[in-house]
Structure formats: structure tokens, C-alpha cells
Amino acid sequence: MGVVDTHLDKDGANKEDLVDFRGNPVDNSRTGGWLAAGLILGTELSERICVVGISINLVTYLVGNLHLSSSKSANMVTNFMGTLNLLALLGGFLADAKLGRYLTVAIFASITALVRFVPK
């Protein structure tokens, strides 16, 4: 077995070179943890509740106001939900490769809130 260097993080970077967004050295005891996980899970739960509410209201709108058949409106809502789930893959890629998880969640939650709550 090899010797583990305690001065390197999991990616092999030197721990002394890691800085936060203000340029200060990173204090691992104050970053991440259950608070950050709770914020992400709460945001995602709220986003899922919004999507379910939108999809239920969309069926009612398509059948009642646009006078589409139930089967056609259900198909459109299914396509809507499938598109949202595929966009989650794009969000995962952006979070892992480019933006970071916190910024990605903040951006997509803001977009969802704008779409949901901006008056038409």
C-alpha cells in the first residue's frame, strides 16, 4: 500500500493552495456539511413540488381552456415532464464540469421560480 500524503486533497491538489471565493484559505470544518446538503435538498424538493403543480394545472388548462382531448393533453404533459427530466442531465453535466453544484442549483432554481411566479 502507498503512503497517503495528508497535504493533498482528494483531487491531488495541495491543500494549502485551496482558497474560497474571497481568496482566503479554505477551512474544511466550515464548508459543506449537513447545512449545505439540507439547503440543496430543500431547494430540490420545492422545485419538484412546483413542477408537479405546473403539470397538474397544465392538464386542466389543456382540457378546459384549449379544449384538447384528455389523451392528447396527457401526452403533452408527459412530453413536458420527460423534457424536464432530460434537462436534469444537462444540469448535472454543468454542475460537474463547469459551474459547480451550488451555482448550478441557484441558477436553475431561479429560472424555475421566474417561470412559475412571473405574471403573464
PDB file of N, CA and C in Angstrom:
ATOM      1  N   MET A   1       0.832  -1.179   0.000  1.00  0.00           N
ATOM      2  CA  MET A   1       0.000   0.000   0.000  1.00  0.00           C
ATOM      3  C   MET A   1       0.872   1.236   0.000  1.00  0.00           C
ATOM      4  N   GLY A   2       0.410   2.276  -0.696  1.00  0.00           N
ATOM      5  CA  GLY A   2       1.166   3.508  -0.785  1.00  0.00           C
ATOM      6  C   GLY A   2       0.950   4.386   0.434  1.00  0.00           C
ATOM      7  N   VAL A   3       1.813   5.336   0.579  1.00  0.00           N
ATOM      8  CA  VAL A   3       1.717   6.287   1.663  1.00  0.00           C
ATOM      9  C   VAL A   3       0.771   7.407   1.237  1.00  0.00           C
ATOM     10  N   VAL A   4      -0.153   7.762   2.108  1.00  0.00           N
ATOM     11  CA  VAL A   4      -1.109   8.823   1.811  1.00  0.00           C
ATOM     12  C   VAL A   4      -0.517  10.141   2.273  1.00  0.00           C
ATOM     13  N   ASP A   5      -0.457  11.098   1.367  1.00  0.00           N
ATOM     14  CA  ASP A   5       0.058  12.422   1.700  1.00  0.00           C
ATOM     15  C   ASP A   5      -1.089  13.245   2.271  1.00  0.00           C
ATOM     16  N   THR A   6      -0.985  13.669   3.528  1.00  0.00           N
ATOM     17  CA  THR A   6      -2.067  14.407   4.180  1.00  0.00           C
ATOM     18  C   THR A   6      -2.131  15.854   3.722  1.00  0.00           C
ATOM     19  N   HIS A   7      -1.189  16.298   2.914  1.00  0.00           N
ATOM     20  CA  HIS A   7      -1.215  17.672   2.420  1.00  0.00           C
ATOM     21  C   HIS A   7      -1.935  17.794   1.083  1.00  0.00           C
ATOM     22  N   LEU A   8      -2.475  16.668   0.581  1.00  0.00           N
ATOM     23  CA  LEU A   8      -3.183  16.691  -0.684  1.00  0.00           C
ATOM     24  C   LEU A   8      -4.656  16.402  -0.448  1.00  0.00           C
ATOM     25  N   ASP A   9      -5.531  17.064  -1.207  1.00  0.00           N
ATOM     26  CA  ASP A   9      -6.953  16.759  -1.100  1.00  0.00           C
ATOM     27  C   ASP A   9      -7.276  15.564  -1.994  1.00  0.00           C
ATOM     28  N   LYS A  10      -8.559  15.216  -2.122  1.00  0.00           N
ATOM     29  CA  LYS A  10      -8.945  14.026  -2.882  1.00  0.00           C
ATOM     30  C   LYS A  10      -8.621  14.125  -4.363  1.00  0.00           C
ATOM     31  N   ASP A  11      -8.506  15.347  -4.912  1.00  0.00           N
ATOM     32  CA  ASP A  11      -8.172  15.527  -6.322  1.00  0.00           C
ATOM     33  C   ASP A  11      -6.678  15.621  -6.571  1.00  0.00           C
ATOM     34  N   GLY A  12      -5.877  15.548  -5.520  1.00  0.00           N
ATOM     35  CA  GLY A  12      -4.438  15.623  -5.668  1.00  0.00           C
ATOM     36  C   GLY A  12      -3.889  17.034  -5.590  1.00  0.00           C
ATOM     37  N   ALA A  13      -4.749  18.024  -5.319  1.00  0.00           N
ATOM     38  CA  ALA A  13      -4.277  19.403  -5.208  1.00  0.00           C
ATOM     39  C   ALA A  13      -3.695  19.630  -3.818  1.00  0.00           C
ATOM     40  N   ASN A  14      -2.762  20.533  -3.730  1.00  0.00           N
ATOM     41  CA  ASN A  14      -2.157  20.875  -2.454  1.00  0.00           C
ATOM     42  C   ASN A  14      -3.187  21.627  -1.610  1.00  0.00           C
ATOM     43  N   LYS A  15      -3.419  21.171  -0.372  1.00  0.00           N
ATOM     44  CA  LYS A  15      -4.444  21.785   0.476  1.00  0.00           C
ATOM     45  C   LYS A  15      -4.144  23.244   0.786  1.00  0.00           C
ATOM     46  N   GLU A  16      -2.885  23.596   0.844  1.00  0.00           N
ATOM     47  CA  GLU A  16      -2.547  24.980   1.150  1.00  0.00           C
ATOM     48  C   GLU A  16      -2.873  25.922  -0.013  1.00  0.00           C
ATOM     49  N   ASP A  17      -3.047  25.379  -1.210  1.00  0.00           N
ATOM     50  CA  ASP A  17      -3.360  26.206  -2.377  1.00  0.00           C
ATOM     51  C   ASP A  17      -4.854  26.437  -2.568  1.00  0.00           C
ATOM     52  N   LEU A  18      -5.696  25.739  -1.809  1.00  0.00           N
ATOM     53  CA  LEU A  18      -7.142  25.870  -1.971  1.00  0.00           C
ATOM     54  C   LEU A  18      -7.638  27.126  -1.278  1.00  0.00           C
ATOM     55  N   VAL A  19      -8.454  27.916  -2.003  1.00  0.00           N
ATOM     56  CA  VAL A  19      -8.998  29.160  -1.462  1.00  0.00           C
ATOM     57  C   VAL A  19     -10.496  29.193  -1.695  1.00  0.00           C
ATOM     58  N   ASP A  20     -11.207  30.010  -0.881  1.00  0.00           N
ATOM     59  CA  ASP A  20     -12.634  30.187  -1.083  1.00  0.00           C
ATOM     60  C   ASP A  20     -12.882  31.318  -2.075  1.00  0.00           C
ATOM     61  N   PHE A  21     -14.142  31.724  -2.230  1.00  0.00           N
ATOM     62  CA  PHE A  21     -14.465  32.735  -3.232  1.00  0.00           C
ATOM     63  C   PHE A  21     -13.912  34.109  -2.891  1.00  0.00           C
ATOM     64  N   ARG A  22     -13.491  34.310  -1.643  1.00  0.00           N
ATOM     65  CA  ARG A  22     -12.888  35.583  -1.264  1.00  0.00           C
ATOM     66  C   ARG A  22     -11.364  35.550  -1.352  1.00  0.00           C
ATOM     67  N   GLY A  23     -10.801  34.397  -1.658  1.00  0.00           N
ATOM     68  CA  GLY A  23      -9.353  34.272  -1.752  1.00  0.00           C
ATOM     69  C   GLY A  23      -8.695  33.854  -0.454  1.00  0.00           C
ATOM     70  N   ASN A  24      -9.484  33.555   0.580  1.00  0.00           N
ATOM     71  CA  ASN A  24      -8.947  33.105   1.857  1.00  0.00           C
ATOM     72  C   ASN A  24      -8.706  31.605   1.826  1.00  0.00           C
ATOM     73  N   PRO A  25      -7.752  31.101   2.625  1.00  0.00           N
ATOM     74  CA  PRO A  25      -7.549  29.647   2.675  1.00  0.00           C
ATOM     75  C   PRO A  25      -8.824  28.932   3.121  1.00  0.00           C
ATOM     76  N   VAL A  26      -9.067  27.763   2.564  1.00  0.00           N
ATOM     77  CA  VAL A  26     -10.282  27.011   2.849  1.00  0.00           C
ATOM     78  C   VAL A  26     -10.195  26.385   4.235  1.00  0.00           C
ATOM     79  N   ASP A  27     -11.270  26.552   5.011  1.00  0.00           N
ATOM     80  CA  ASP A  27     -11.407  25.906   6.304  1.00  0.00           C
ATOM     81  C   ASP A  27     -12.424  24.783   6.138  1.00  0.00           C
ATOM     82  N   ASN A  28     -11.965  23.542   6.023  1.00  0.00           N
ATOM     83  CA  ASN A  28     -12.846  22.414   5.732  1.00  0.00           C
ATOM     84  C   ASN A  28     -13.883  22.178   6.820  1.00  0.00           C
ATOM     85  N   SER A  29     -13.631  22.632   8.037  1.00  0.00           N
ATOM     86  CA  SER A  29     -14.606  22.426   9.104  1.00  0.00           C
ATOM     87  C   SER A  29     -15.816  23.341   8.944  1.00  0.00           C
ATOM     88  N   ARG A  30     -15.728  24.373   8.115  1.00  0.00           N
ATOM     89  CA  ARG A  30     -16.821  25.330   7.955  1.00  0.00           C
ATOM     90  C   ARG A  30     -17.486  25.247   6.580  1.00  0.00           C
ATOM     91  N   THR A  31     -17.084  24.346   5.710  1.00  0.00           N
ATOM     92  CA  THR A  31     -17.653  24.257   4.370  1.00  0.00           C
ATOM     93  C   THR A  31     -18.453  22.974   4.219  1.00  0.00           C
ATOM     94  N   GLY A  32     -19.452  23.023   3.369  1.00  0.00           N
ATOM     95  CA  GLY A  32     -20.260  21.842   3.072  1.00  0.00           C
ATOM     96  C   GLY A  32     -21.046  21.401   4.287  1.00  0.00           C
ATOM     97  N   GLY A  33     -21.125  20.114   4.489  1.00  0.00           N
ATOM     98  CA  GLY A  33     -21.792  19.556   5.659  1.00  0.00           C
ATOM     99  C   GLY A  33     -23.289  19.429   5.484  1.00  0.00           C
ATOM    100  N   TRP A  34     -23.969  19.184   6.608  1.00  0.00           N
ATOM    101  CA  TRP A  34     -25.397  18.929   6.581  1.00  0.00           C
ATOM    102  C   TRP A  34     -26.213  20.172   6.263  1.00  0.00           C
ATOM    103  N   LEU A  35     -25.733  21.339   6.633  1.00  0.00           N
ATOM    104  CA  LEU A  35     -26.474  22.559   6.310  1.00  0.00           C
ATOM    105  C   LEU A  35     -26.551  22.757   4.796  1.00  0.00           C
ATOM    106  N   ALA A  36     -25.430  22.610   4.130  1.00  0.00           N
ATOM    107  CA  ALA A  36     -25.420  22.753   2.673  1.00  0.00           C
ATOM    108  C   ALA A  36     -26.265  21.675   2.016  1.00  0.00           C
ATOM    109  N   ALA A  37     -26.178  20.445   2.510  1.00  0.00           N
ATOM    110  CA  ALA A  37     -26.987  19.362   1.946  1.00  0.00           C
ATOM    111  C   ALA A  37     -28.471  19.627   2.170  1.00  0.00           C
ATOM    112  N   GLY A  38     -28.825  20.139   3.338  1.00  0.00           N
ATOM    113  CA  GLY A  38     -30.227  20.465   3.616  1.00  0.00           C
ATOM    114  C   GLY A  38     -30.749  21.569   2.719  1.00  0.00           C
ATOM    115  N   LEU A  39     -29.926  22.573   2.459  1.00  0.00           N
ATOM    116  CA  LEU A  39     -30.344  23.646   1.563  1.00  0.00           C
ATOM    117  C   LEU A  39     -30.580  23.134   0.148  1.00  0.00           C
ATOM    118  N   ILE A  40     -29.689  22.278  -0.327  1.00  0.00           N
ATOM    119  CA  ILE A  40     -29.860  21.712  -1.668  1.00  0.00           C
ATOM    120  C   ILE A  40     -31.097  20.822  -1.722  1.00  0.00           C
ATOM    121  N   LEU A  41     -31.274  19.970  -0.718  1.00  0.00           N
ATOM    122  CA  LEU A  41     -32.442  19.088  -0.724  1.00  0.00           C
ATOM    123  C   LEU A  41     -33.740  19.883  -0.597  1.00  0.00           C
ATOM    124  N   GLY A  42     -33.747  20.923   0.227  1.00  0.00           N
ATOM    125  CA  GLY A  42     -34.941  21.767   0.345  1.00  0.00           C
ATOM    126  C   GLY A  42     -35.273  22.480  -0.951  1.00  0.00           C
ATOM    127  N   THR A  43     -34.249  22.976  -1.616  1.00  0.00           N
ATOM    128  CA  THR A  43     -34.464  23.647  -2.898  1.00  0.00           C
ATOM    129  C   THR A  43     -34.993  22.673  -3.940  1.00  0.00           C
ATOM    130  N   GLU A  44     -34.428  21.493  -3.995  1.00  0.00           N
ATOM    131  CA  GLU A  44     -34.883  20.497  -4.963  1.00  0.00           C
ATOM    132  C   GLU A  44     -36.293  20.011  -4.652  1.00  0.00           C
ATOM    133  N   LEU A  45     -36.631  19.870  -3.383  1.00  0.00           N
ATOM    134  CA  LEU A  45     -37.988  19.484  -3.014  1.00  0.00           C
ATOM    135  C   LEU A  45     -38.982  20.560  -3.445  1.00  0.00           C
ATOM    136  N   SER A  46     -38.642  21.811  -3.199  1.00  0.00           N
ATOM    137  CA  SER A  46     -39.514  22.910  -3.619  1.00  0.00           C
ATOM    138  C   SER A  46     -39.674  22.935  -5.135  1.00  0.00           C
ATOM    139  N   GLU A  47     -38.591  22.682  -5.848  1.00  0.00           N
ATOM    140  CA  GLU A  47     -38.641  22.669  -7.313  1.00  0.00           C
ATOM    141  C   GLU A  47     -39.524  21.532  -7.811  1.00  0.00           C
ATOM    142  N   ARG A  48     -39.430  20.365  -7.200  1.00  0.00           N
ATOM    143  CA  ARG A  48     -40.273  19.230  -7.601  1.00  0.00           C
ATOM    144  C   ARG A  48     -41.743  19.511  -7.334  1.00  0.00           C
ATOM    145  N   ILE A  49     -42.048  20.158  -6.201  1.00  0.00           N
ATOM    146  CA  ILE A  49     -43.431  20.498  -5.890  1.00  0.00           C
ATOM    147  C   ILE A  49     -43.972  21.476  -6.935  1.00  0.00           C
ATOM    148  N   CYS A  50     -43.155  22.447  -7.325  1.00  0.00           N
ATOM    149  CA  CYS A  50     -43.572  23.394  -8.375  1.00  0.00           C
ATOM    150  C   CYS A  50     -43.842  22.680  -9.687  1.00  0.00           C
ATOM    151  N   VAL A  51     -42.986  21.745 -10.067  1.00  0.00           N
ATOM    152  CA  VAL A  51     -43.153  21.038 -11.342  1.00  0.00           C
ATOM    153  C   VAL A  51     -44.414  20.191 -11.326  1.00  0.00           C
ATOM    154  N   VAL A  52     -44.685  19.513 -10.224  1.00  0.00           N
ATOM    155  CA  VAL A  52     -45.903  18.703 -10.141  1.00  0.00           C
ATOM    156  C   VAL A  52     -47.133  19.608 -10.204  1.00  0.00           C
ATOM    157  N   GLY A  53     -47.085  20.738  -9.506  1.00  0.00           N
ATOM    158  CA  GLY A  53     -48.200  21.679  -9.566  1.00  0.00           C
ATOM    159  C   GLY A  53     -48.429  22.219 -10.962  1.00  0.00           C
ATOM    160  N   ILE A  54     -47.337  22.538 -11.654  1.00  0.00           N
ATOM    161  CA  ILE A  54     -47.447  23.034 -13.026  1.00  0.00           C
ATOM    162  C   ILE A  54     -48.037  21.961 -13.936  1.00  0.00           C
ATOM    163  N   SER A  55     -47.599  20.721 -13.789  1.00  0.00           N
ATOM    164  CA  SER A  55     -48.088  19.662 -14.680  1.00  0.00           C
ATOM    165  C   SER A  55     -49.574  19.372 -14.439  1.00  0.00           C
ATOM    166  N   ILE A  56     -49.998  19.405 -13.177  1.00  0.00           N
ATOM    167  CA  ILE A  56     -51.423  19.183 -12.903  1.00  0.00           C
ATOM    168  C   ILE A  56     -52.250  20.328 -13.474  1.00  0.00           C
ATOM    169  N   ASN A  57     -51.803  21.545 -13.265  1.00  0.00           N
ATOM    170  CA  ASN A  57     -52.528  22.690 -13.815  1.00  0.00           C
ATOM    171  C   ASN A  57     -52.482  22.704 -15.333  1.00  0.00           C
ATOM    172  N   LEU A  58     -51.413  22.183 -15.915  1.00  0.00           N
ATOM    173  CA  LEU A  58     -51.300  22.145 -17.370  1.00  0.00           C
ATOM    174  C   LEU A  58     -52.338  21.214 -17.979  1.00  0.00           C
ATOM    175  N   VAL A  59     -52.581  20.080 -17.353  1.00  0.00           N
ATOM    176  CA  VAL A  59     -53.618  19.168 -17.855  1.00  0.00           C
ATOM    177  C   VAL A  59     -54.975  19.856 -17.804  1.00  0.00           C
ATOM    178  N   THR A  60     -55.270  20.493 -16.682  1.00  0.00           N
ATOM    179  CA  THR A  60     -56.548  21.188 -16.538  1.00  0.00           C
ATOM    180  C   THR A  60     -56.690  22.292 -17.580  1.00  0.00           C
ATOM    181  N   TYR A  61     -55.627  23.041 -17.812  1.00  0.00           N
ATOM    182  CA  TYR A  61     -55.663  24.126 -18.792  1.00  0.00           C
ATOM    183  C   TYR A  61     -55.854  23.594 -20.212  1.00  0.00           C
ATOM    184  N   LEU A  62     -55.120  22.539 -20.554  1.00  0.00           N
ATOM    185  CA  LEU A  62     -55.219  21.996 -21.911  1.00  0.00           C
ATOM    186  C   LEU A  62     -56.597  21.419 -22.195  1.00  0.00           C
ATOM    187  N   VAL A  63     -57.190  20.752 -21.212  1.00  0.00           N
ATOM    188  CA  VAL A  63     -58.517  20.165 -21.421  1.00  0.00           C
ATOM    189  C   VAL A  63     -59.603  21.234 -21.345  1.00  0.00           C
ATOM    190  N   GLY A  64     -59.534  22.118 -20.344  1.00  0.00           N
ATOM    191  CA  GLY A  64     -60.597  23.084 -20.108  1.00  0.00           C
ATOM    192  C   GLY A  64     -60.561  24.273 -21.040  1.00  0.00           C
ATOM    193  N   ASN A  65     -59.427  24.942 -21.156  1.00  0.00           N
ATOM    194  CA  ASN A  65     -59.357  26.184 -21.929  1.00  0.00           C
ATOM    195  C   ASN A  65     -59.047  25.959 -23.403  1.00  0.00           C
ATOM    196  N   LEU A  66     -58.151  25.038 -23.697  1.00  0.00           N
ATOM    197  CA  LEU A  66     -57.782  24.803 -25.096  1.00  0.00           C
ATOM    198  C   LEU A  66     -58.614  23.705 -25.749  1.00  0.00           C
ATOM    199  N   HIS A  67     -59.471  23.039 -24.971  1.00  0.00           N
ATOM    200  CA  HIS A  67     -60.404  22.029 -25.465  1.00  0.00           C
ATOM    201  C   HIS A  67     -59.707  20.895 -26.219  1.00  0.00           C
ATOM    202  N   LEU A  68     -58.566  20.473 -25.685  1.00  0.00           N
ATOM    203  CA  LEU A  68     -57.897  19.298 -26.233  1.00  0.00           C
ATOM    204  C   LEU A  68     -58.469  18.052 -25.579  1.00  0.00           C
ATOM    205  N   SER A  69     -58.298  16.926 -26.242  1.00  0.00           N
ATOM    206  CA  SER A  69     -58.767  15.681 -25.639  1.00  0.00           C
ATOM    207  C   SER A  69     -57.881  15.321 -24.453  1.00  0.00           C
ATOM    208  N   SER A  70     -58.408  14.497 -23.585  1.00  0.00           N
ATOM    209  CA  SER A  70     -57.654  14.085 -22.402  1.00  0.00           C
ATOM    210  C   SER A  70     -56.383  13.334 -22.786  1.00  0.00           C
ATOM    211  N   SER A  71     -56.480  12.492 -23.821  1.00  0.00           N
ATOM    212  CA  SER A  71     -55.301  11.714 -24.226  1.00  0.00           C
ATOM    213  C   SER A  71     -54.214  12.618 -24.811  1.00  0.00           C
ATOM    214  N   LYS A  72     -54.626  13.598 -25.617  1.00  0.00           N
ATOM    215  CA  LYS A  72     -53.646  14.500 -26.212  1.00  0.00           C
ATOM    216  C   LYS A  72     -52.992  15.380 -25.144  1.00  0.00           C
ATOM    217  N   SER A  73     -53.792  15.882 -24.196  1.00  0.00           N
ATOM    218  CA  SER A  73     -53.226  16.729 -23.149  1.00  0.00           C
ATOM    219  C   SER A  73     -52.323  15.912 -22.232  1.00  0.00           C
ATOM    220  N   ALA A  74     -52.683  14.659 -21.933  1.00  0.00           N
ATOM    221  CA  ALA A  74     -51.822  13.806 -21.117  1.00  0.00           C
ATOM    222  C   ALA A  74     -50.507  13.533 -21.833  1.00  0.00           C
ATOM    223  N   ASN A  75     -50.556  13.339 -23.155  1.00  0.00           N
ATOM    224  CA  ASN A  75     -49.345  13.115 -23.934  1.00  0.00           C
ATOM    225  C   ASN A  75     -48.443  14.354 -23.901  1.00  0.00           C
ATOM    226  N   MET A  76     -49.033  15.542 -24.018  1.00  0.00           N
ATOM    227  CA  MET A  76     -48.237  16.781 -23.981  1.00  0.00           C
ATOM    228  C   MET A  76     -47.581  16.973 -22.616  1.00  0.00           C
ATOM    229  N   VAL A  77     -48.310  16.671 -21.561  1.00  0.00           N
ATOM    230  CA  VAL A  77     -47.753  16.813 -20.215  1.00  0.00           C
ATOM    231  C   VAL A  77     -46.657  15.781 -19.991  1.00  0.00           C
ATOM    232  N   THR A  78     -46.841  14.578 -20.508  1.00  0.00           N
ATOM    233  CA  THR A  78     -45.796  13.557 -20.400  1.00  0.00           C
ATOM    234  C   THR A  78     -44.534  14.004 -21.129  1.00  0.00           C
ATOM    235  N   ASN A  79     -44.696  14.598 -22.303  1.00  0.00           N
ATOM    236  CA  ASN A  79     -43.534  15.133 -23.032  1.00  0.00           C
ATOM    237  C   ASN A  79     -42.866  16.260 -22.255  1.00  0.00           C
ATOM    238  N   PHE A  80     -43.664  17.102 -21.614  1.00  0.00           N
ATOM    239  CA  PHE A  80     -43.138  18.189 -20.781  1.00  0.00           C
ATOM    240  C   PHE A  80     -42.310  17.632 -19.631  1.00  0.00           C
ATOM    241  N   MET A  81     -42.844  16.635 -18.940  1.00  0.00           N
ATOM    242  CA  MET A  81     -42.126  16.043 -17.802  1.00  0.00           C
ATOM    243  C   MET A  81     -40.859  15.323 -18.269  1.00  0.00           C
ATOM    244  N   GLY A  82     -40.922  14.650 -19.404  1.00  0.00           N
ATOM    245  CA  GLY A  82     -39.741  13.987 -19.936  1.00  0.00           C
ATOM    246  C   GLY A  82     -38.648  14.976 -20.302  1.00  0.00           C
ATOM    247  N   THR A  83     -39.046  16.094 -20.889  1.00  0.00           N
ATOM    248  CA  THR A  83     -38.076  17.134 -21.223  1.00  0.00           C
ATOM    249  C   THR A  83     -37.412  17.680 -19.966  1.00  0.00           C
ATOM    250  N   LEU A  84     -38.192  17.904 -18.925  1.00  0.00           N
ATOM    251  CA  LEU A  84     -37.612  18.380 -17.670  1.00  0.00           C
ATOM    252  C   LEU A  84     -36.606  17.383 -17.102  1.00  0.00           C
ATOM    253  N   ASN A  85     -36.930  16.105 -17.175  1.00  0.00           N
ATOM    254  CA  ASN A  85     -36.016  15.096 -16.651  1.00  0.00           C
ATOM    255  C   ASN A  85     -34.745  15.002 -17.486  1.00  0.00           C
ATOM    256  N   LEU A  86     -34.847  15.184 -18.795  1.00  0.00           N
ATOM    257  CA  LEU A  86     -33.644  15.185 -19.626  1.00  0.00           C
ATOM    258  C   LEU A  86     -32.794  16.431 -19.367  1.00  0.00           C
ATOM    259  N   LEU A  87     -33.451  17.549 -19.089  1.00  0.00           N
ATOM    260  CA  LEU A  87     -32.697  18.761 -18.761  1.00  0.00           C
ATOM    261  C   LEU A  87     -31.935  18.609 -17.448  1.00  0.00           C
ATOM    262  N   ALA A  88     -32.403  17.716 -16.578  1.00  0.00           N
ATOM    263  CA  ALA A  88     -31.665  17.437 -15.341  1.00  0.00           C
ATOM    264  C   ALA A  88     -30.291  16.846 -15.653  1.00  0.00           C
ATOM    265  N   LEU A  89     -30.205  16.066 -16.721  1.00  0.00           N
ATOM    266  CA  LEU A  89     -28.896  15.534 -17.137  1.00  0.00           C
ATOM    267  C   LEU A  89     -27.969  16.660 -17.576  1.00  0.00           C
ATOM    268  N   LEU A  90     -28.515  17.628 -18.296  1.00  0.00           N
ATOM    269  CA  LEU A  90     -27.724  18.784 -18.687  1.00  0.00           C
ATOM    270  C   LEU A  90     -27.260  19.558 -17.451  1.00  0.00           C
ATOM    271  N   GLY A  91     -28.159  19.744 -16.501  1.00  0.00           N
ATOM    272  CA  GLY A  91     -27.790  20.424 -15.262  1.00  0.00           C
ATOM    273  C   GLY A  91     -26.713  19.664 -14.498  1.00  0.00           C
ATOM    274  N   GLY A  92     -26.797  18.345 -14.483  1.00  0.00           N
ATOM    275  CA  GLY A  92     -25.762  17.540 -13.829  1.00  0.00           C
ATOM    276  C   GLY A  92     -24.416  17.694 -14.504  1.00  0.00           C
ATOM    277  N   PHE A  93     -24.410  17.715 -15.828  1.00  0.00           N
ATOM    278  CA  PHE A  93     -23.161  17.915 -16.544  1.00  0.00           C
ATOM    279  C   PHE A  93     -22.570  19.287 -16.232  1.00  0.00           C
ATOM    280  N   LEU A  94     -23.423  20.326 -16.280  1.00  0.00           N
ATOM    281  CA  LEU A  94     -22.933  21.675 -15.978  1.00  0.00           C
ATOM    282  C   LEU A  94     -22.393  21.761 -14.553  1.00  0.00           C
ATOM    283  N   ALA A  95     -23.079  21.113 -13.623  1.00  0.00           N
ATOM    284  CA  ALA A  95     -22.636  21.164 -12.227  1.00  0.00           C
ATOM    285  C   ALA A  95     -21.296  20.469 -12.051  1.00  0.00           C
ATOM    286  N   ASP A  96     -21.127  19.329 -12.692  1.00  0.00           N
ATOM    287  CA  ASP A  96     -19.889  18.572 -12.514  1.00  0.00           C
ATOM    288  C   ASP A  96     -18.719  19.150 -13.293  1.00  0.00           C
ATOM    289  N   ALA A  97     -18.980  19.632 -14.493  1.00  0.00           N
ATOM    290  CA  ALA A  97     -17.883  20.006 -15.378  1.00  0.00           C
ATOM    291  C   ALA A  97     -17.562  21.494 -15.384  1.00  0.00           C
ATOM    292  N   LYS A  98     -18.549  22.341 -15.166  1.00  0.00           N
ATOM    293  CA  LYS A  98     -18.320  23.763 -15.411  1.00  0.00           C
ATOM    294  C   LYS A  98     -18.589  24.656 -14.204  1.00  0.00           C
ATOM    295  N   LEU A  99     -19.829  24.663 -13.690  1.00  0.00           N
ATOM    296  CA  LEU A  99     -20.269  25.696 -12.761  1.00  0.00           C
ATOM    297  C   LEU A  99     -20.093  25.358 -11.290  1.00  0.00           C
ATOM    298  N   GLY A 100     -20.161  24.100 -10.935  1.00  0.00           N
ATOM    299  CA  GLY A 100     -20.196  23.711  -9.534  1.00  0.00           C
ATOM    300  C   GLY A 100     -21.640  23.516  -9.100  1.00  0.00           C
ATOM    301  N   ARG A 101     -21.843  22.686  -8.093  1.00  0.00           N
ATOM    302  CA  ARG A 101     -23.212  22.307  -7.737  1.00  0.00           C
ATOM    303  C   ARG A 101     -24.029  23.451  -7.164  1.00  0.00           C
ATOM    304  N   TYR A 102     -23.440  24.282  -6.321  1.00  0.00           N
ATOM    305  CA  TYR A 102     -24.215  25.330  -5.672  1.00  0.00           C
ATOM    306  C   TYR A 102     -24.678  26.384  -6.684  1.00  0.00           C
ATOM    307  N   LEU A 103     -23.787  26.805  -7.551  1.00  0.00           N
ATOM    308  CA  LEU A 103     -24.149  27.795  -8.557  1.00  0.00           C
ATOM    309  C   LEU A 103     -25.181  27.232  -9.534  1.00  0.00           C
ATOM    310  N   THR A 104     -25.041  25.967  -9.901  1.00  0.00           N
ATOM    311  CA  THR A 104     -25.999  25.340 -10.816  1.00  0.00           C
ATOM    312  C   THR A 104     -27.384  25.264 -10.185  1.00  0.00           C
ATOM    313  N   VAL A 105     -27.462  24.847  -8.923  1.00  0.00           N
ATOM    314  CA  VAL A 105     -28.756  24.776  -8.241  1.00  0.00           C
ATOM    315  C   VAL A 105     -29.364  26.167  -8.133  1.00  0.00           C
ATOM    316  N   ALA A 106     -28.555  27.162  -7.813  1.00  0.00           N
ATOM    317  CA  ALA A 106     -29.067  28.533  -7.691  1.00  0.00           C
ATOM    318  C   ALA A 106     -29.598  29.045  -9.027  1.00  0.00           C
ATOM    319  N   ILE A 107     -28.883  28.784 -10.104  1.00  0.00           N
ATOM    320  CA  ILE A 107     -29.312  29.252 -11.427  1.00  0.00           C
ATOM    321  C   ILE A 107     -30.614  28.586 -11.849  1.00  0.00           C
ATOM    322  N   PHE A 108     -30.681  27.249 -11.759  1.00  0.00           N
ATOM    323  CA  PHE A 108     -31.873  26.550 -12.216  1.00  0.00           C
ATOM    324  C   PHE A 108     -33.067  26.788 -11.301  1.00  0.00           C
ATOM    325  N   ALA A 109     -32.850  26.943  -9.993  1.00  0.00           N
ATOM    326  CA  ALA A 109     -33.957  27.277  -9.090  1.00  0.00           C
ATOM    327  C   ALA A 109     -34.494  28.668  -9.391  1.00  0.00           C
ATOM    328  N   SER A 110     -33.605  29.601  -9.729  1.00  0.00           N
ATOM    329  CA  SER A 110     -34.052  30.951 -10.085  1.00  0.00           C
ATOM    330  C   SER A 110     -34.862  30.936 -11.378  1.00  0.00           C
ATOM    331  N   ILE A 111     -34.416  30.163 -12.355  1.00  0.00           N
ATOM    332  CA  ILE A 111     -35.160  30.052 -13.613  1.00  0.00           C
ATOM    333  C   ILE A 111     -36.540  29.458 -13.357  1.00  0.00           C
ATOM    334  N   THR A 112     -36.601  28.404 -12.535  1.00  0.00           N
ATOM    335  CA  THR A 112     -37.889  27.784 -12.221  1.00  0.00           C
ATOM    336  C   THR A 112     -38.803  28.766 -11.508  1.00  0.00           C
ATOM    337  N   ALA A 113     -38.262  29.518 -10.570  1.00  0.00           N
ATOM    338  CA  ALA A 113     -39.075  30.496  -9.834  1.00  0.00           C
ATOM    339  C   ALA A 113     -39.564  31.599 -10.766  1.00  0.00           C
ATOM    340  N   LEU A 114     -38.707  32.052 -11.677  1.00  0.00           N
ATOM    341  CA  LEU A 114     -39.134  33.085 -12.626  1.00  0.00           C
ATOM    342  C   LEU A 114     -40.237  32.596 -13.538  1.00  0.00           C
ATOM    343  N   VAL A 115     -40.098  31.379 -14.030  1.00  0.00           N
ATOM    344  CA  VAL A 115     -41.110  30.819 -14.927  1.00  0.00           C
ATOM    345  C   VAL A 115     -42.425  30.646 -14.181  1.00  0.00           C
ATOM    346  N   ARG A 116     -42.342  30.257 -12.934  1.00  0.00           N
ATOM    347  CA  ARG A 116     -43.552  29.969 -12.154  1.00  0.00           C
ATOM    348  C   ARG A 116     -44.234  31.242 -11.663  1.00  0.00           C
ATOM    349  N   PHE A 117     -43.489  32.223 -11.218  1.00  0.00           N
ATOM    350  CA  PHE A 117     -44.074  33.332 -10.492  1.00  0.00           C
ATOM    351  C   PHE A 117     -44.111  34.658 -11.240  1.00  0.00           C
ATOM    352  N   VAL A 118     -43.561  34.738 -12.429  1.00  0.00           N
ATOM    353  CA  VAL A 118     -43.626  35.980 -13.194  1.00  0.00           C
ATOM    354  C   VAL A 118     -45.021  36.111 -13.781  1.00  0.00           C
ATOM    355  N   PRO A 119     -45.700  37.218 -13.536  1.00  0.00           N
ATOM    356  CA  PRO A 119     -47.049  37.360 -14.091  1.00  0.00           C
ATOM    357  C   PRO A 119     -47.033  37.404 -15.609  1.00  0.00           C
ATOM    358  N   LYS A 120     -48.010  36.798 -16.185  1.00  0.00           N
ATOM    359  CA  LYS A 120     -48.102  36.768 -17.653  1.00  0.00           C
ATOM    360  C   LYS A 120     -48.932  37.919 -18.150  1.00  0.00           C
TER     361      LYS A 120
END
